[in-house]
Amino acid sequence: MKQIVSSLTIATLISLGATVAAAECYADYKAKQDNPLRLHYGVMQVSACDKGQAQREVAQRLKASGWTLLNVLTVFGSEGLDQRKANAGKFYLRF
């Protein structure tokens, strides 16, 4: 009986882990270009819901397009997309 309970607990944890891994994650950020100075606020889908990992990913993707990351403001799920769309404008899910 104890082994069945342990197996069920492990199966439940694995299933919860898969749900978390499959969750959509986004980061909103500020970036700049120099000469001439240009700034933008944007929203980008990221592979991890961890701010540190998202910061590295956002910086790398922006750099490939000639932008420098200033900072990642927040990391959030799909429920936060609508409220950020208007502010991000053409940088909404662009990169």
PDB file of N, CA and C in Angstrom:
ATOM      1  N   MET A   1       0.826  -1.199   0.000  1.00  0.00           N
ATOM      2  CA  MET A   1       0.000   0.000   0.000  1.00  0.00           C
ATOM      3  C   MET A   1       0.863   1.253   0.000  1.00  0.00           C
ATOM      4  N   LYS A   2       1.920   1.249   0.820  1.00  0.00           N
ATOM      5  CA  LYS A   2       2.799   2.415   0.917  1.00  0.00           C
ATOM      6  C   LYS A   2       3.473   2.698  -0.426  1.00  0.00           C
ATOM      7  N   GLN A   3       3.855   1.642  -1.151  1.00  0.00           N
ATOM      8  CA  GLN A   3       4.507   1.809  -2.451  1.00  0.00           C
ATOM      9  C   GLN A   3       3.520   2.393  -3.470  1.00  0.00           C
ATOM     10  N   ILE A   4       2.257   2.016  -3.409  1.00  0.00           N
ATOM     11  CA  ILE A   4       1.232   2.552  -4.316  1.00  0.00           C
ATOM     12  C   ILE A   4       1.059   4.048  -4.066  1.00  0.00           C
ATOM     13  N   VAL A   5       1.001   4.439  -2.803  1.00  0.00           N
ATOM     14  CA  VAL A   5       0.859   5.847  -2.452  1.00  0.00           C
ATOM     15  C   VAL A   5       2.075   6.624  -2.946  1.00  0.00           C
ATOM     16  N   SER A   6       3.275   6.087  -2.744  1.00  0.00           N
ATOM     17  CA  SER A   6       4.490   6.744  -3.215  1.00  0.00           C
ATOM     18  C   SER A   6       4.490   6.875  -4.725  1.00  0.00           C
ATOM     19  N   SER A   7       4.058   5.855  -5.426  1.00  0.00           N
ATOM     20  CA  SER A   7       3.994   5.898  -6.887  1.00  0.00           C
ATOM     21  C   SER A   7       2.997   6.945  -7.348  1.00  0.00           C
ATOM     22  N   LEU A   8       1.857   7.046  -6.673  1.00  0.00           N
ATOM     23  CA  LEU A   8       0.863   8.054  -7.018  1.00  0.00           C
ATOM     24  C   LEU A   8       1.394   9.460  -6.747  1.00  0.00           C
ATOM     25  N   THR A   9       2.106   9.616  -5.644  1.00  0.00           N
ATOM     26  CA  THR A   9       2.682  10.917  -5.312  1.00  0.00           C
ATOM     27  C   THR A   9       3.702  11.329  -6.366  1.00  0.00           C
ATOM     28  N   ILE A  10       4.553  10.425  -6.766  1.00  0.00           N
ATOM     29  CA  ILE A  10       5.557  10.718  -7.793  1.00  0.00           C
ATOM     30  C   ILE A  10       4.873  11.050  -9.111  1.00  0.00           C
ATOM     31  N   ALA A  11       3.851  10.291  -9.483  1.00  0.00           N
ATOM     32  CA  ALA A  11       3.125  10.556 -10.727  1.00  0.00           C
ATOM     33  C   ALA A  11       2.460  11.929 -10.687  1.00  0.00           C
ATOM     34  N   THR A  12       1.911  12.286  -9.540  1.00  0.00           N
ATOM     35  CA  THR A  12       1.286  13.601  -9.394  1.00  0.00           C
ATOM     36  C   THR A  12       2.317  14.712  -9.531  1.00  0.00           C
ATOM     37  N   LEU A  13       3.458  14.559  -8.896  1.00  0.00           N
ATOM     38  CA  LEU A  13       4.517  15.569  -8.984  1.00  0.00           C
ATOM     39  C   LEU A  13       5.035  15.713 -10.412  1.00  0.00           C
ATOM     40  N   ILE A  14       5.197  14.604 -11.107  1.00  0.00           N
ATOM     41  CA  ILE A  14       5.643  14.655 -12.501  1.00  0.00           C
ATOM     42  C   ILE A  14       4.614  15.379 -13.350  1.00  0.00           C
ATOM     43  N   SER A  15       3.357  15.076 -13.123  1.00  0.00           N
ATOM     44  CA  SER A  15       2.298  15.732 -13.883  1.00  0.00           C
ATOM     45  C   SER A  15       2.253  17.230 -13.599  1.00  0.00           C
ATOM     46  N   LEU A  16       2.441  17.632 -12.345  1.00  0.00           N
ATOM     47  CA  LEU A  16       2.472  19.054 -12.003  1.00  0.00           C
ATOM     48  C   LEU A  16       3.682  19.731 -12.633  1.00  0.00           C
ATOM     49  N   GLY A  17       4.815  19.057 -12.633  1.00  0.00           N
ATOM     50  CA  GLY A  17       6.014  19.603 -13.259  1.00  0.00           C
ATOM     51  C   GLY A  17       5.825  19.813 -14.746  1.00  0.00           C
ATOM     52  N   ALA A  18       5.152  18.898 -15.413  1.00  0.00           N
ATOM     53  CA  ALA A  18       4.893  19.040 -16.850  1.00  0.00           C
ATOM     54  C   ALA A  18       3.973  20.221 -17.105  1.00  0.00           C
ATOM     55  N   THR A  19       3.010  20.446 -16.215  1.00  0.00           N
ATOM     56  CA  THR A  19       2.100  21.580 -16.373  1.00  0.00           C
ATOM     57  C   THR A  19       2.852  22.897 -16.221  1.00  0.00           C
ATOM     58  N   VAL A  20       3.728  22.979 -15.246  1.00  0.00           N
ATOM     59  CA  VAL A  20       4.509  24.198 -15.037  1.00  0.00           C
ATOM     60  C   VAL A  20       5.442  24.427 -16.224  1.00  0.00           C
ATOM     61  N   ALA A  21       6.076  23.361 -16.712  1.00  0.00           N
ATOM     62  CA  ALA A  21       7.002  23.490 -17.831  1.00  0.00           C
ATOM     63  C   ALA A  21       6.275  23.937 -19.097  1.00  0.00           C
ATOM     64  N   ALA A  22       5.022  23.553 -19.249  1.00  0.00           N
ATOM     65  CA  ALA A  22       4.271  23.892 -20.443  1.00  0.00           C
ATOM     66  C   ALA A  22       3.628  25.279 -20.360  1.00  0.00           C
ATOM     67  N   ALA A  23       3.698  25.908 -19.208  1.00  0.00           N
ATOM     68  CA  ALA A  23       3.074  27.219 -19.042  1.00  0.00           C
ATOM     69  C   ALA A  23       3.761  28.244 -19.936  1.00  0.00           C
ATOM     70  N   GLU A  24       2.968  29.152 -20.479  1.00  0.00           N
ATOM     71  CA  GLU A  24       3.522  30.210 -21.308  1.00  0.00           C
ATOM     72  C   GLU A  24       4.085  31.300 -20.410  1.00  0.00           C
ATOM     73  N   CYS A  25       5.271  31.767 -20.756  1.00  0.00           N
ATOM     74  CA  CYS A  25       5.936  32.810 -19.977  1.00  0.00           C
ATOM     75  C   CYS A  25       6.309  33.969 -20.895  1.00  0.00           C
ATOM     76  N   TYR A  26       6.175  35.166 -20.369  1.00  0.00           N
ATOM     77  CA  TYR A  26       6.474  36.380 -21.116  1.00  0.00           C
ATOM     78  C   TYR A  26       7.256  37.316 -20.208  1.00  0.00           C
ATOM     79  N   ALA A  27       8.030  38.188 -20.830  1.00  0.00           N
ATOM     80  CA  ALA A  27       8.766  39.206 -20.082  1.00  0.00           C
ATOM     81  C   ALA A  27       8.475  40.560 -20.711  1.00  0.00           C
ATOM     82  N   ASP A  28       8.276  41.569 -19.883  1.00  0.00           N
ATOM     83  CA  ASP A  28       8.235  42.922 -20.416  1.00  0.00           C
ATOM     84  C   ASP A  28       9.543  43.590 -20.028  1.00  0.00           C
ATOM     85  N   TYR A  29      10.059  44.398 -20.925  1.00  0.00           N
ATOM     86  CA  TYR A  29      11.414  44.898 -20.792  1.00  0.00           C
ATOM     87  C   TYR A  29      11.534  46.302 -21.380  1.00  0.00           C
ATOM     88  N   LYS A  30      12.674  46.947 -21.087  1.00  0.00           N
ATOM     89  CA  LYS A  30      13.042  48.222 -21.706  1.00  0.00           C
ATOM     90  C   LYS A  30      14.380  48.016 -22.400  1.00  0.00           C
ATOM     91  N   ALA A  31      14.518  48.613 -23.597  1.00  0.00           N
ATOM     92  CA  ALA A  31      15.742  48.456 -24.377  1.00  0.00           C
ATOM     93  C   ALA A  31      16.110  49.775 -25.048  1.00  0.00           C
ATOM     94  N   LYS A  32      17.353  49.848 -25.524  1.00  0.00           N
ATOM     95  CA  LYS A  32      17.810  51.072 -26.185  1.00  0.00           C
ATOM     96  C   LYS A  32      18.719  50.749 -27.366  1.00  0.00           C
ATOM     97  N   GLN A  33      18.854  51.735 -28.245  1.00  0.00           N
ATOM     98  CA  GLN A  33      19.865  51.758 -29.295  1.00  0.00           C
ATOM     99  C   GLN A  33      20.571  53.102 -29.178  1.00  0.00           C
ATOM    100  N   ASP A  34      21.844  53.149 -29.548  1.00  0.00           N
ATOM    101  CA  ASP A  34      22.606  54.399 -29.509  1.00  0.00           C
ATOM    102  C   ASP A  34      22.820  54.940 -30.918  1.00  0.00           C
ATOM    103  N   ASN A  35      23.107  56.231 -30.984  1.00  0.00           N
ATOM    104  CA  ASN A  35      23.476  56.937 -32.224  1.00  0.00           C
ATOM    105  C   ASN A  35      22.493  56.739 -33.369  1.00  0.00           C
ATOM    106  N   PRO A  36      21.357  57.313 -33.379  1.00  0.00           N
ATOM    107  CA  PRO A  36      20.803  58.175 -32.337  1.00  0.00           C
ATOM    108  C   PRO A  36      20.146  57.332 -31.242  1.00  0.00           C
ATOM    109  N   LEU A  37      20.007  57.951 -30.090  1.00  0.00           N
ATOM    110  CA  LEU A  37      19.387  57.250 -28.964  1.00  0.00           C
ATOM    111  C   LEU A  37      17.933  56.952 -29.268  1.00  0.00           C
ATOM    112  N   ARG A  38      17.570  55.687 -29.139  1.00  0.00           N
ATOM    113  CA  ARG A  38      16.180  55.233 -29.289  1.00  0.00           C
ATOM    114  C   ARG A  38      15.880  54.316 -28.117  1.00  0.00           C
ATOM    115  N   LEU A  39      14.698  54.453 -27.570  1.00  0.00           N
ATOM    116  CA  LEU A  39      14.263  53.619 -26.449  1.00  0.00           C
ATOM    117  C   LEU A  39      12.981  52.901 -26.833  1.00  0.00           C
ATOM    118  N   HIS A  40      12.776  51.721 -26.280  1.00  0.00           N
ATOM    119  CA  HIS A  40      11.471  51.079 -26.449  1.00  0.00           C
ATOM    120  C   HIS A  40      11.144  50.176 -25.263  1.00  0.00           C
ATOM    121  N   TYR A  41       9.838  50.008 -25.092  1.00  0.00           N
ATOM    122  CA  TYR A  41       9.272  49.073 -24.116  1.00  0.00           C
ATOM    123  C   TYR A  41       8.681  47.948 -24.945  1.00  0.00           C
ATOM    124  N   GLY A  42       8.918  46.706 -24.561  1.00  0.00           N
ATOM    125  CA  GLY A  42       8.392  45.594 -25.338  1.00  0.00           C
ATOM    126  C   GLY A  42       7.981  44.421 -24.473  1.00  0.00           C
ATOM    127  N   VAL A  43       7.329  43.471 -25.121  1.00  0.00           N
ATOM    128  CA  VAL A  43       6.903  42.223 -24.494  1.00  0.00           C
ATOM    129  C   VAL A  43       7.400  41.093 -25.386  1.00  0.00           C
ATOM    130  N   MET A  44       8.000  40.096 -24.762  1.00  0.00           N
ATOM    131  CA  MET A  44       8.584  38.984 -25.502  1.00  0.00           C
ATOM    132  C   MET A  44       8.219  37.670 -24.816  1.00  0.00           C
ATOM    133  N   GLN A  45       7.910  36.649 -25.601  1.00  0.00           N
ATOM    134  CA  GLN A  45       7.708  35.326 -25.015  1.00  0.00           C
ATOM    135  C   GLN A  45       9.081  34.748 -24.692  1.00  0.00           C
ATOM    136  N   VAL A  46       9.206  34.156 -23.527  1.00  0.00           N
ATOM    137  CA  VAL A  46      10.471  33.570 -23.090  1.00  0.00           C
ATOM    138  C   VAL A  46      10.261  32.111 -22.723  1.00  0.00           C
ATOM    139  N   SER A  47      11.356  31.377 -22.667  1.00  0.00           N
ATOM    140  CA  SER A  47      11.253  29.938 -22.431  1.00  0.00           C
ATOM    141  C   SER A  47      11.151  29.553 -20.959  1.00  0.00           C
ATOM    142  N   ALA A  48      11.467  30.492 -20.053  1.00  0.00           N
ATOM    143  CA  ALA A  48      11.418  30.173 -18.625  1.00  0.00           C
ATOM    144  C   ALA A  48      10.757  31.302 -17.851  1.00  0.00           C
ATOM    145  N   CYS A  49      10.019  30.938 -16.822  1.00  0.00           N
ATOM    146  CA  CYS A  49       9.333  31.929 -15.981  1.00  0.00           C
ATOM    147  C   CYS A  49      10.223  32.389 -14.831  1.00  0.00           C
ATOM    148  N   ASP A  50      11.512  32.374 -15.038  1.00  0.00           N
ATOM    149  CA  ASP A  50      12.490  32.829 -14.054  1.00  0.00           C
ATOM    150  C   ASP A  50      13.088  34.130 -14.578  1.00  0.00           C
ATOM    151  N   LYS A  51      13.066  35.180 -13.758  1.00  0.00           N
ATOM    152  CA  LYS A  51      13.499  36.505 -14.209  1.00  0.00           C
ATOM    153  C   LYS A  51      14.964  36.511 -14.667  1.00  0.00           C
ATOM    154  N   GLY A  52      15.834  35.829 -13.949  1.00  0.00           N
ATOM    155  CA  GLY A  52      17.248  35.776 -14.327  1.00  0.00           C
ATOM    156  C   GLY A  52      17.452  35.121 -15.679  1.00  0.00           C
ATOM    157  N   GLN A  53      16.806  33.989 -15.891  1.00  0.00           N
ATOM    158  CA  GLN A  53      16.913  33.294 -17.172  1.00  0.00           C
ATOM    159  C   GLN A  53      16.278  34.124 -18.281  1.00  0.00           C
ATOM    160  N   ALA A  54      15.151  34.735 -17.986  1.00  0.00           N
ATOM    161  CA  ALA A  54      14.482  35.572 -18.983  1.00  0.00           C
ATOM    162  C   ALA A  54      15.368  36.752 -19.361  1.00  0.00           C
ATOM    163  N   GLN A  55      16.055  37.337 -18.398  1.00  0.00           N
ATOM    164  CA  GLN A  55      16.929  38.474 -18.679  1.00  0.00           C
ATOM    165  C   GLN A  55      18.021  38.086 -19.672  1.00  0.00           C
ATOM    166  N   ARG A  56      18.637  36.935 -19.483  1.00  0.00           N
ATOM    167  CA  ARG A  56      19.688  36.473 -20.397  1.00  0.00           C
ATOM    168  C   ARG A  56      19.121  36.225 -21.795  1.00  0.00           C
ATOM    169  N   GLU A  57      17.959  35.599 -21.845  1.00  0.00           N
ATOM    170  CA  GLU A  57      17.334  35.282 -23.133  1.00  0.00           C
ATOM    171  C   GLU A  57      16.919  36.553 -23.874  1.00  0.00           C
ATOM    172  N   VAL A  58      16.292  37.482 -23.183  1.00  0.00           N
ATOM    173  CA  VAL A  58      15.847  38.732 -23.802  1.00  0.00           C
ATOM    174  C   VAL A  58      17.060  39.522 -24.309  1.00  0.00           C
ATOM    175  N   ALA A  59      18.107  39.622 -23.497  1.00  0.00           N
ATOM    176  CA  ALA A  59      19.303  40.366 -23.891  1.00  0.00           C
ATOM    177  C   ALA A  59      19.913  39.788 -25.161  1.00  0.00           C
ATOM    178  N   GLN A  60      19.986  38.483 -25.227  1.00  0.00           N
ATOM    179  CA  GLN A  60      20.583  37.823 -26.395  1.00  0.00           C
ATOM    180  C   GLN A  60      19.747  38.059 -27.652  1.00  0.00           C
ATOM    181  N   ARG A  61      18.443  37.931 -27.542  1.00  0.00           N
ATOM    182  CA  ARG A  61      17.575  38.116 -28.708  1.00  0.00           C
ATOM    183  C   ARG A  61      17.553  39.570 -29.164  1.00  0.00           C
ATOM    184  N   LEU A  62      17.575  40.509 -28.229  1.00  0.00           N
ATOM    185  CA  LEU A  62      17.602  41.923 -28.601  1.00  0.00           C
ATOM    186  C   LEU A  62      18.936  42.285 -29.254  1.00  0.00           C
ATOM    187  N   LYS A  63      20.031  41.774 -28.712  1.00  0.00           N
ATOM    188  CA  LYS A  63      21.365  42.074 -29.239  1.00  0.00           C
ATOM    189  C   LYS A  63      21.465  41.664 -30.709  1.00  0.00           C
ATOM    190  N   ALA A  64      20.853  40.565 -31.065  1.00  0.00           N
ATOM    191  CA  ALA A  64      20.878  40.091 -32.451  1.00  0.00           C
ATOM    192  C   ALA A  64      20.207  41.078 -33.398  1.00  0.00           C
ATOM    193  N   SER A  65      19.349  41.949 -32.871  1.00  0.00           N
ATOM    194  CA  SER A  65      18.658  42.959 -33.673  1.00  0.00           C
ATOM    195  C   SER A  65      19.201  44.366 -33.440  1.00  0.00           C
ATOM    196  N   GLY A  66      20.343  44.465 -32.761  1.00  0.00           N
ATOM    197  CA  GLY A  66      20.974  45.762 -32.560  1.00  0.00           C
ATOM    198  C   GLY A  66      20.467  46.563 -31.379  1.00  0.00           C
ATOM    199  N   TRP A  67      19.754  45.931 -30.459  1.00  0.00           N
ATOM    200  CA  TRP A  67      19.232  46.605 -29.272  1.00  0.00           C
ATOM    201  C   TRP A  67      20.012  46.142 -28.045  1.00  0.00           C
ATOM    202  N   THR A  68      20.067  46.991 -27.031  1.00  0.00           N
ATOM    203  CA  THR A  68      20.685  46.664 -25.748  1.00  0.00           C
ATOM    204  C   THR A  68      19.596  46.634 -24.685  1.00  0.00           C
ATOM    205  N   LEU A  69      19.513  45.537 -23.963  1.00  0.00           N
ATOM    206  CA  LEU A  69      18.541  45.421 -22.874  1.00  0.00           C
ATOM    207  C   LEU A  69      18.922  46.358 -21.746  1.00  0.00           C
ATOM    208  N   LEU A  70      17.983  47.142 -21.289  1.00  0.00           N
ATOM    209  CA  LEU A  70      18.178  47.973 -20.097  1.00  0.00           C
ATOM    210  C   LEU A  70      17.762  47.194 -18.865  1.00  0.00           C
ATOM    211  N   ASN A  71      16.550  46.627 -18.891  1.00  0.00           N
ATOM    212  CA  ASN A  71      16.117  45.763 -17.793  1.00  0.00           C
ATOM    213  C   ASN A  71      14.841  45.004 -18.152  1.00  0.00           C
ATOM    214  N   VAL A  72      14.701  43.850 -17.517  1.00  0.00           N
ATOM    215  CA  VAL A  72      13.452  43.086 -17.572  1.00  0.00           C
ATOM    216  C   VAL A  72      12.641  43.561 -16.383  1.00  0.00           C
ATOM    217  N   LEU A  73      11.433  44.025 -16.649  1.00  0.00           N
ATOM    218  CA  LEU A  73      10.588  44.551 -15.577  1.00  0.00           C
ATOM    219  C   LEU A  73       9.921  43.429 -14.804  1.00  0.00           C
ATOM    220  N   THR A  74       9.216  42.557 -15.533  1.00  0.00           N
ATOM    221  CA  THR A  74       8.516  41.447 -14.890  1.00  0.00           C
ATOM    222  C   THR A  74       8.484  40.247 -15.825  1.00  0.00           C
ATOM    223  N   VAL A  75       8.265  39.085 -15.236  1.00  0.00           N
ATOM    224  CA  VAL A  75       8.011  37.852 -15.976  1.00  0.00           C
ATOM    225  C   VAL A  75       6.624  37.402 -15.552  1.00  0.00           C
ATOM    226  N   PHE A  76       5.781  37.065 -16.519  1.00  0.00           N
ATOM    227  CA  PHE A  76       4.376  36.798 -16.213  1.00  0.00           C
ATOM    228  C   PHE A  76       3.807  35.759 -17.175  1.00  0.00           C
ATOM    229  N   GLY A  77       2.606  35.305 -16.895  1.00  0.00           N
ATOM    230  CA  GLY A  77       1.920  34.345 -17.751  1.00  0.00           C
ATOM    231  C   GLY A  77       1.031  35.039 -18.765  1.00  0.00           C
ATOM    232  N   SER A  78       0.319  34.249 -19.537  1.00  0.00           N
ATOM    233  CA  SER A  78      -0.515  34.786 -20.613  1.00  0.00           C
ATOM    234  C   SER A  78      -1.614  35.718 -20.108  1.00  0.00           C
ATOM    235  N   GLU A  79      -1.959  35.622 -18.825  1.00  0.00           N
ATOM    236  CA  GLU A  79      -3.006  36.485 -18.272  1.00  0.00           C
ATOM    237  C   GLU A  79      -2.585  37.958 -18.247  1.00  0.00           C
ATOM    238  N   GLY A  80      -1.301  38.246 -18.366  1.00  0.00           N
ATOM    239  CA  GLY A  80      -0.837  39.626 -18.332  1.00  0.00           C
ATOM    240  C   GLY A  80      -0.611  40.258 -19.694  1.00  0.00           C
ATOM    241  N   LEU A  81      -0.880  39.521 -20.752  1.00  0.00           N
ATOM    242  CA  LEU A  81      -0.594  40.030 -22.096  1.00  0.00           C
ATOM    243  C   LEU A  81      -1.463  41.211 -22.497  1.00  0.00           C
ATOM    244  N   ASP A  82      -2.759  41.097 -22.335  1.00  0.00           N
ATOM    245  CA  ASP A  82      -3.681  42.136 -22.811  1.00  0.00           C
ATOM    246  C   ASP A  82      -3.386  43.507 -22.223  1.00  0.00           C
ATOM    247  N   GLN A  83      -3.059  43.553 -20.946  1.00  0.00           N
ATOM    248  CA  GLN A  83      -2.833  44.848 -20.299  1.00  0.00           C
ATOM    249  C   GLN A  83      -1.542  45.512 -20.754  1.00  0.00           C
ATOM    250  N   ARG A  84      -0.633  44.766 -21.402  1.00  0.00           N
ATOM    251  CA  ARG A  84       0.641  45.330 -21.839  1.00  0.00           C
ATOM    252  C   ARG A  84       0.691  45.603 -23.344  1.00  0.00           C
ATOM    253  N   LYS A  85      -0.272  45.103 -24.076  1.00  0.00           N
ATOM    254  CA  LYS A  85      -0.244  45.175 -25.538  1.00  0.00           C
ATOM    255  C   LYS A  85      -0.183  46.609 -26.061  1.00  0.00           C
ATOM    256  N   ALA A  86      -1.024  47.488 -25.588  1.00  0.00           N
ATOM    257  CA  ALA A  86      -1.070  48.866 -26.092  1.00  0.00           C
ATOM    258  C   ALA A  86       0.239  49.605 -25.807  1.00  0.00           C
ATOM    259  N   ASN A  87       0.809  49.412 -24.621  1.00  0.00           N
ATOM    260  CA  ASN A  87       2.054  50.095 -24.269  1.00  0.00           C
ATOM    261  C   ASN A  87       3.244  49.599 -25.088  1.00  0.00           C
ATOM    262  N   ALA A  88       3.238  48.337 -25.451  1.00  0.00           N
ATOM    263  CA  ALA A  88       4.360  47.778 -26.205  1.00  0.00           C
ATOM    264  C   ALA A  88       4.286  48.151 -27.687  1.00  0.00           C
ATOM    265  N   GLY A  89       3.109  48.440 -28.184  1.00  0.00           N
ATOM    266  CA  GLY A  89       2.961  48.848 -29.583  1.00  0.00           C
ATOM    267  C   GLY A  89       3.611  47.870 -30.550  1.00  0.00           C
ATOM    268  N   LYS A  90       4.483  48.374 -31.440  1.00  0.00           N
ATOM    269  CA  LYS A  90       5.096  47.508 -32.455  1.00  0.00           C
ATOM    270  C   LYS A  90       6.119  46.544 -31.860  1.00  0.00           C
ATOM    271  N   PHE A  91       6.450  46.695 -30.570  1.00  0.00           N
ATOM    272  CA  PHE A  91       7.387  45.784 -29.915  1.00  0.00           C
ATOM    273  C   PHE A  91       6.660  44.729 -29.077  1.00  0.00           C
ATOM    274  N   TYR A  92       5.390  44.556 -29.309  1.00  0.00           N
ATOM    275  CA  TYR A  92       4.584  43.519 -28.650  1.00  0.00           C
ATOM    276  C   TYR A  92       4.840  42.198 -29.371  1.00  0.00           C
ATOM    277  N   LEU A  93       5.509  41.292 -28.716  1.00  0.00           N
ATOM    278  CA  LEU A  93       5.843  39.966 -29.248  1.00  0.00           C
ATOM    279  C   LEU A  93       6.610  40.050 -30.572  1.00  0.00           C
ATOM    280  N   ARG A  94       7.396  41.107 -30.767  1.00  0.00           N
ATOM    281  CA  ARG A  94       8.164  41.290 -32.005  1.00  0.00           C
ATOM    282  C   ARG A  94       9.390  40.380 -32.067  1.00  0.00           C
ATOM    283  N   PHE A  95      10.057  40.194 -30.951  1.00  0.00           N
ATOM    284  CA  PHE A  95      11.298  39.404 -30.954  1.00  0.00           C
ATOM    285  C   PHE A  95      11.078  38.043 -30.363  1.00  0.00           C
TER     286      PHE A  95
END
